[in-house]
Amino acid sequence: MEEDAVTRLPFAIIDELTDGSPAAVDGLQLWDEIVKFGNVEADRALAESAITFNI
């Protein structure tokens, strides 16, 4: 069973958005959290890699 989107870790947060851009036209808003993009999903391994990389 697929995990509910509410419980997934975001791997990207929209912190800048240009009016009229494809993302804005399609409904993305500032501070939206991306938990899946195509076949890419956030998971514990991705989160741990990001934390290690940013240290």
PDB file of N, CA and C in Angstrom:
ATOM      1  N   MET A   1       0.838  -1.187   0.000  1.00  0.00           N
ATOM      2  CA  MET A   1       0.000   0.000   0.000  1.00  0.00           C
ATOM      3  C   MET A   1       0.879   1.245   0.000  1.00  0.00           C
ATOM      4  N   GLU A   2       0.522   2.224  -0.811  1.00  0.00           N
ATOM      5  CA  GLU A   2       1.314   3.445  -0.923  1.00  0.00           C
ATOM      6  C   GLU A   2       1.084   4.342   0.288  1.00  0.00           C
ATOM      7  N   GLU A   3       2.168   4.925   0.778  1.00  0.00           N
ATOM      8  CA  GLU A   3       2.085   5.838   1.907  1.00  0.00           C
ATOM      9  C   GLU A   3       1.258   7.064   1.543  1.00  0.00           C
ATOM     10  N   ASP A   4       0.491   7.558   2.472  1.00  0.00           N
ATOM     11  CA  ASP A   4      -0.300   8.767   2.259  1.00  0.00           C
ATOM     12  C   ASP A   4       0.633   9.961   2.091  1.00  0.00           C
ATOM     13  N   ALA A   5       0.318  10.868   1.179  1.00  0.00           N
ATOM     14  CA  ALA A   5       1.169  12.035   0.897  1.00  0.00           C
ATOM     15  C   ALA A   5       1.400  12.882   2.135  1.00  0.00           C
ATOM     16  N   VAL A   6       0.474  12.891   3.063  1.00  0.00           N
ATOM     17  CA  VAL A   6       0.611  13.708   4.269  1.00  0.00           C
ATOM     18  C   VAL A   6       1.774  13.223   5.123  1.00  0.00           C
ATOM     19  N   THR A   7       2.091  11.938   5.092  1.00  0.00           N
ATOM     20  CA  THR A   7       3.145  11.394   5.942  1.00  0.00           C
ATOM     21  C   THR A   7       4.508  11.345   5.260  1.00  0.00           C
ATOM     22  N   ARG A   8       4.605  11.695   4.005  1.00  0.00           N
ATOM     23  CA  ARG A   8       5.880  11.658   3.280  1.00  0.00           C
ATOM     24  C   ARG A   8       6.733  12.877   3.617  1.00  0.00           C
ATOM     25  N   LEU A   9       8.039  12.677   3.557  1.00  0.00           N
ATOM     26  CA  LEU A   9       8.967  13.785   3.753  1.00  0.00           C
ATOM     27  C   LEU A   9       9.098  14.583   2.462  1.00  0.00           C
ATOM     28  N   PRO A  10       9.029  15.904   2.540  1.00  0.00           N
ATOM     29  CA  PRO A  10       9.255  16.692   1.321  1.00  0.00           C
ATOM     30  C   PRO A  10      10.740  16.703   0.976  1.00  0.00           C
ATOM     31  N   PHE A  11      11.064  16.666  -0.324  1.00  0.00           N
ATOM     32  CA  PHE A  11      12.462  16.793  -0.725  1.00  0.00           C
ATOM     33  C   PHE A  11      12.726  18.126  -1.392  1.00  0.00           C
ATOM     34  N   ALA A  12      11.690  18.930  -1.528  1.00  0.00           N
ATOM     35  CA  ALA A  12      11.845  20.286  -2.061  1.00  0.00           C
ATOM     36  C   ALA A  12      10.706  21.140  -1.520  1.00  0.00           C
ATOM     37  N   ILE A  13      11.003  22.402  -1.272  1.00  0.00           N
ATOM     38  CA  ILE A  13      10.001  23.371  -0.833  1.00  0.00           C
ATOM     39  C   ILE A  13      10.093  24.565  -1.768  1.00  0.00           C
ATOM     40  N   ILE A  14       8.959  24.980  -2.307  1.00  0.00           N
ATOM     41  CA  ILE A  14       8.927  26.105  -3.240  1.00  0.00           C
ATOM     42  C   ILE A  14       9.117  27.395  -2.445  1.00  0.00           C
ATOM     43  N   ASP A  15      10.275  28.052  -2.632  1.00  0.00           N
ATOM     44  CA  ASP A  15      10.540  29.302  -1.908  1.00  0.00           C
ATOM     45  C   ASP A  15      10.622  30.509  -2.837  1.00  0.00           C
ATOM     46  N   GLU A  16      10.430  30.277  -4.126  1.00  0.00           N
ATOM     47  CA  GLU A  16      10.408  31.370  -5.096  1.00  0.00           C
ATOM     48  C   GLU A  16       9.551  30.922  -6.270  1.00  0.00           C
ATOM     49  N   LEU A  17       8.708  31.823  -6.760  1.00  0.00           N
ATOM     50  CA  LEU A  17       7.798  31.481  -7.844  1.00  0.00           C
ATOM     51  C   LEU A  17       7.554  32.729  -8.678  1.00  0.00           C
ATOM     52  N   THR A  18       7.676  32.600  -9.982  1.00  0.00           N
ATOM     53  CA  THR A  18       7.470  33.723 -10.892  1.00  0.00           C
ATOM     54  C   THR A  18       6.037  33.714 -11.402  1.00  0.00           C
ATOM     55  N   ASP A  19       5.342  34.854 -11.261  1.00  0.00           N
ATOM     56  CA  ASP A  19       3.980  34.967 -11.781  1.00  0.00           C
ATOM     57  C   ASP A  19       3.967  34.633 -13.265  1.00  0.00           C
ATOM     58  N   GLY A  20       3.008  33.832 -13.674  1.00  0.00           N
ATOM     59  CA  GLY A  20       2.869  33.473 -15.079  1.00  0.00           C
ATOM     60  C   GLY A  20       3.757  32.330 -15.533  1.00  0.00           C
ATOM     61  N   SER A  21       4.628  31.840 -14.655  1.00  0.00           N
ATOM     62  CA  SER A  21       5.493  30.713 -15.029  1.00  0.00           C
ATOM     63  C   SER A  21       4.642  29.448 -15.153  1.00  0.00           C
ATOM     64  N   PRO A  22       5.140  28.441 -15.864  1.00  0.00           N
ATOM     65  CA  PRO A  22       4.381  27.190 -15.968  1.00  0.00           C
ATOM     66  C   PRO A  22       4.012  26.609 -14.597  1.00  0.00           C
ATOM     67  N   ALA A  23       4.923  26.692 -13.646  1.00  0.00           N
ATOM     68  CA  ALA A  23       4.632  26.169 -12.304  1.00  0.00           C
ATOM     69  C   ALA A  23       3.487  26.939 -11.655  1.00  0.00           C
ATOM     70  N   ALA A  24       3.526  28.269 -11.758  1.00  0.00           N
ATOM     71  CA  ALA A  24       2.464  29.095 -11.172  1.00  0.00           C
ATOM     72  C   ALA A  24       1.133  28.860 -11.879  1.00  0.00           C
ATOM     73  N   VAL A  25       1.171  28.774 -13.196  1.00  0.00           N
ATOM     74  CA  VAL A  25      -0.050  28.536 -13.973  1.00  0.00           C
ATOM     75  C   VAL A  25      -0.664  27.183 -13.601  1.00  0.00           C
ATOM     76  N   ASP A  26       0.182  26.190 -13.341  1.00  0.00           N
ATOM     77  CA  ASP A  26      -0.315  24.859 -12.978  1.00  0.00           C
ATOM     78  C   ASP A  26      -0.723  24.751 -11.515  1.00  0.00           C
ATOM     79  N   GLY A  27      -0.550  25.823 -10.736  1.00  0.00           N
ATOM     80  CA  GLY A  27      -1.084  25.831  -9.379  1.00  0.00           C
ATOM     81  C   GLY A  27      -0.101  25.717  -8.240  1.00  0.00           C
ATOM     82  N   LEU A  28       1.206  25.620  -8.527  1.00  0.00           N
ATOM     83  CA  LEU A  28       2.154  25.613  -7.414  1.00  0.00           C
ATOM     84  C   LEU A  28       2.104  26.955  -6.700  1.00  0.00           C
ATOM     85  N   GLN A  29       2.284  26.919  -5.384  1.00  0.00           N
ATOM     86  CA  GLN A  29       2.267  28.135  -4.582  1.00  0.00           C
ATOM     87  C   GLN A  29       3.501  28.167  -3.698  1.00  0.00           C
ATOM     88  N   LEU A  30       3.849  29.368  -3.231  1.00  0.00           N
ATOM     89  CA  LEU A  30       4.977  29.497  -2.312  1.00  0.00           C
ATOM     90  C   LEU A  30       4.765  28.580  -1.117  1.00  0.00           C
ATOM     91  N   TRP A  31       5.838  27.963  -0.699  1.00  0.00           N
ATOM     92  CA  TRP A  31       5.925  27.086   0.462  1.00  0.00           C
ATOM     93  C   TRP A  31       5.240  25.737   0.260  1.00  0.00           C
ATOM     94  N   ASP A  32       4.810  25.441  -0.991  1.00  0.00           N
ATOM     95  CA  ASP A  32       4.349  24.083  -1.283  1.00  0.00           C
ATOM     96  C   ASP A  32       5.518  23.131  -1.060  1.00  0.00           C
ATOM     97  N   GLU A  33       5.224  21.940  -0.570  1.00  0.00           N
ATOM     98  CA  GLU A  33       6.237  20.919  -0.327  1.00  0.00           C
ATOM     99  C   GLU A  33       6.088  19.815  -1.371  1.00  0.00           C
ATOM    100  N   ILE A  34       7.179  19.511  -2.050  1.00  0.00           N
ATOM    101  CA  ILE A  34       7.177  18.487  -3.088  1.00  0.00           C
ATOM    102  C   ILE A  34       7.593  17.157  -2.455  1.00  0.00           C
ATOM    103  N   VAL A  35       6.724  16.158  -2.547  1.00  0.00           N
ATOM    104  CA  VAL A  35       7.036  14.839  -1.994  1.00  0.00           C
ATOM    105  C   VAL A  35       7.255  13.803  -3.092  1.00  0.00           C
ATOM    106  N   LYS A  36       6.856  14.127  -4.331  1.00  0.00           N
ATOM    107  CA  LYS A  36       7.061  13.216  -5.450  1.00  0.00           C
ATOM    108  C   LYS A  36       7.152  14.037  -6.723  1.00  0.00           C
ATOM    109  N   PHE A  37       8.098  13.661  -7.597  1.00  0.00           N
ATOM    110  CA  PHE A  37       8.259  14.316  -8.889  1.00  0.00           C
ATOM    111  C   PHE A  37       8.564  13.230  -9.898  1.00  0.00           C
ATOM    112  N   GLY A  38       7.603  12.907 -10.742  1.00  0.00           N
ATOM    113  CA  GLY A  38       7.789  11.786 -11.667  1.00  0.00           C
ATOM    114  C   GLY A  38       7.965  10.506 -10.881  1.00  0.00           C
ATOM    115  N   ASN A  39       9.089   9.825 -11.095  1.00  0.00           N
ATOM    116  CA  ASN A  39       9.374   8.584 -10.372  1.00  0.00           C
ATOM    117  C   ASN A  39      10.191   8.807  -9.106  1.00  0.00           C
ATOM    118  N   VAL A  40      10.536  10.054  -8.796  1.00  0.00           N
ATOM    119  CA  VAL A  40      11.365  10.356  -7.636  1.00  0.00           C
ATOM    120  C   VAL A  40      10.471  10.636  -6.437  1.00  0.00           C
ATOM    121  N   GLU A  41      10.715   9.898  -5.348  1.00  0.00           N
ATOM    122  CA  GLU A  41       9.980  10.118  -4.111  1.00  0.00           C
ATOM    123  C   GLU A  41      10.972  10.302  -2.974  1.00  0.00           C
ATOM    124  N   ALA A  42      10.617  11.150  -2.027  1.00  0.00           N
ATOM    125  CA  ALA A  42      11.453  11.318  -0.850  1.00  0.00           C
ATOM    126  C   ALA A  42      11.327  10.077   0.022  1.00  0.00           C
ATOM    127  N   ASP A  43      12.421   9.674   0.632  1.00  0.00           N
ATOM    128  CA  ASP A  43      12.391   8.588   1.597  1.00  0.00           C
ATOM    129  C   ASP A  43      13.490   8.827   2.622  1.00  0.00           C
ATOM    130  N   ARG A  44      13.581   7.960   3.589  1.00  0.00           N
ATOM    131  CA  ARG A  44      14.552   8.140   4.666  1.00  0.00           C
ATOM    132  C   ARG A  44      15.982   8.225   4.119  1.00  0.00           C
ATOM    133  N   ALA A  45      16.345   7.380   3.160  1.00  0.00           N
ATOM    134  CA  ALA A  45      17.706   7.392   2.604  1.00  0.00           C
ATOM    135  C   ALA A  45      18.007   8.726   1.931  1.00  0.00           C
ATOM    136  N   LEU A  46      17.047   9.271   1.186  1.00  0.00           N
ATOM    137  CA  LEU A  46      17.241  10.563   0.534  1.00  0.00           C
ATOM    138  C   LEU A  46      17.398  11.663   1.576  1.00  0.00           C
ATOM    139  N   ALA A  47      16.575  11.626   2.618  1.00  0.00           N
ATOM    140  CA  ALA A  47      16.659  12.633   3.679  1.00  0.00           C
ATOM    141  C   ALA A  47      18.005  12.560   4.388  1.00  0.00           C
ATOM    142  N   GLU A  48      18.469  11.353   4.706  1.00  0.00           N
ATOM    143  CA  GLU A  48      19.766  11.196   5.367  1.00  0.00           C
ATOM    144  C   GLU A  48      20.904  11.667   4.472  1.00  0.00           C
ATOM    145  N   SER A  49      20.815  11.411   3.175  1.00  0.00           N
ATOM    146  CA  SER A  49      21.834  11.882   2.237  1.00  0.00           C
ATOM    147  C   SER A  49      21.871  13.399   2.197  1.00  0.00           C
ATOM    148  N   ALA A  50      20.707  14.020   2.191  1.00  0.00           N
ATOM    149  CA  ALA A  50      20.635  15.482   2.152  1.00  0.00           C
ATOM    150  C   ALA A  50      21.232  16.082   3.413  1.00  0.00           C
ATOM    151  N   ILE A  51      20.941  15.488   4.557  1.00  0.00           N
ATOM    152  CA  ILE A  51      21.481  15.992   5.825  1.00  0.00           C
ATOM    153  C   ILE A  51      22.995  15.854   5.828  1.00  0.00           C
ATOM    154  N   THR A  52      23.510  14.706   5.411  1.00  0.00           N
ATOM    155  CA  THR A  52      24.952  14.468   5.371  1.00  0.00           C
ATOM    156  C   THR A  52      25.630  15.422   4.399  1.00  0.00           C
ATOM    157  N   PHE A  53      25.022  15.638   3.239  1.00  0.00           N
ATOM    158  CA  PHE A  53      25.597  16.507   2.219  1.00  0.00           C
ATOM    159  C   PHE A  53      25.668  17.952   2.689  1.00  0.00           C
ATOM    160  N   ASN A  54      24.696  18.415   3.460  1.00  0.00           N
ATOM    161  CA  ASN A  54      24.622  19.812   3.883  1.00  0.00           C
ATOM    162  C   ASN A  54      25.453  20.126   5.118  1.00  0.00           C
ATOM    163  N   ILE A  55      26.054  19.127   5.730  1.00  0.00           N
ATOM    164  CA  ILE A  55      26.851  19.376   6.944  1.00  0.00           C
ATOM    165  C   ILE A  55      28.203  19.916   6.573  1.00  0.00           C
TER     166      ILE A  55
END
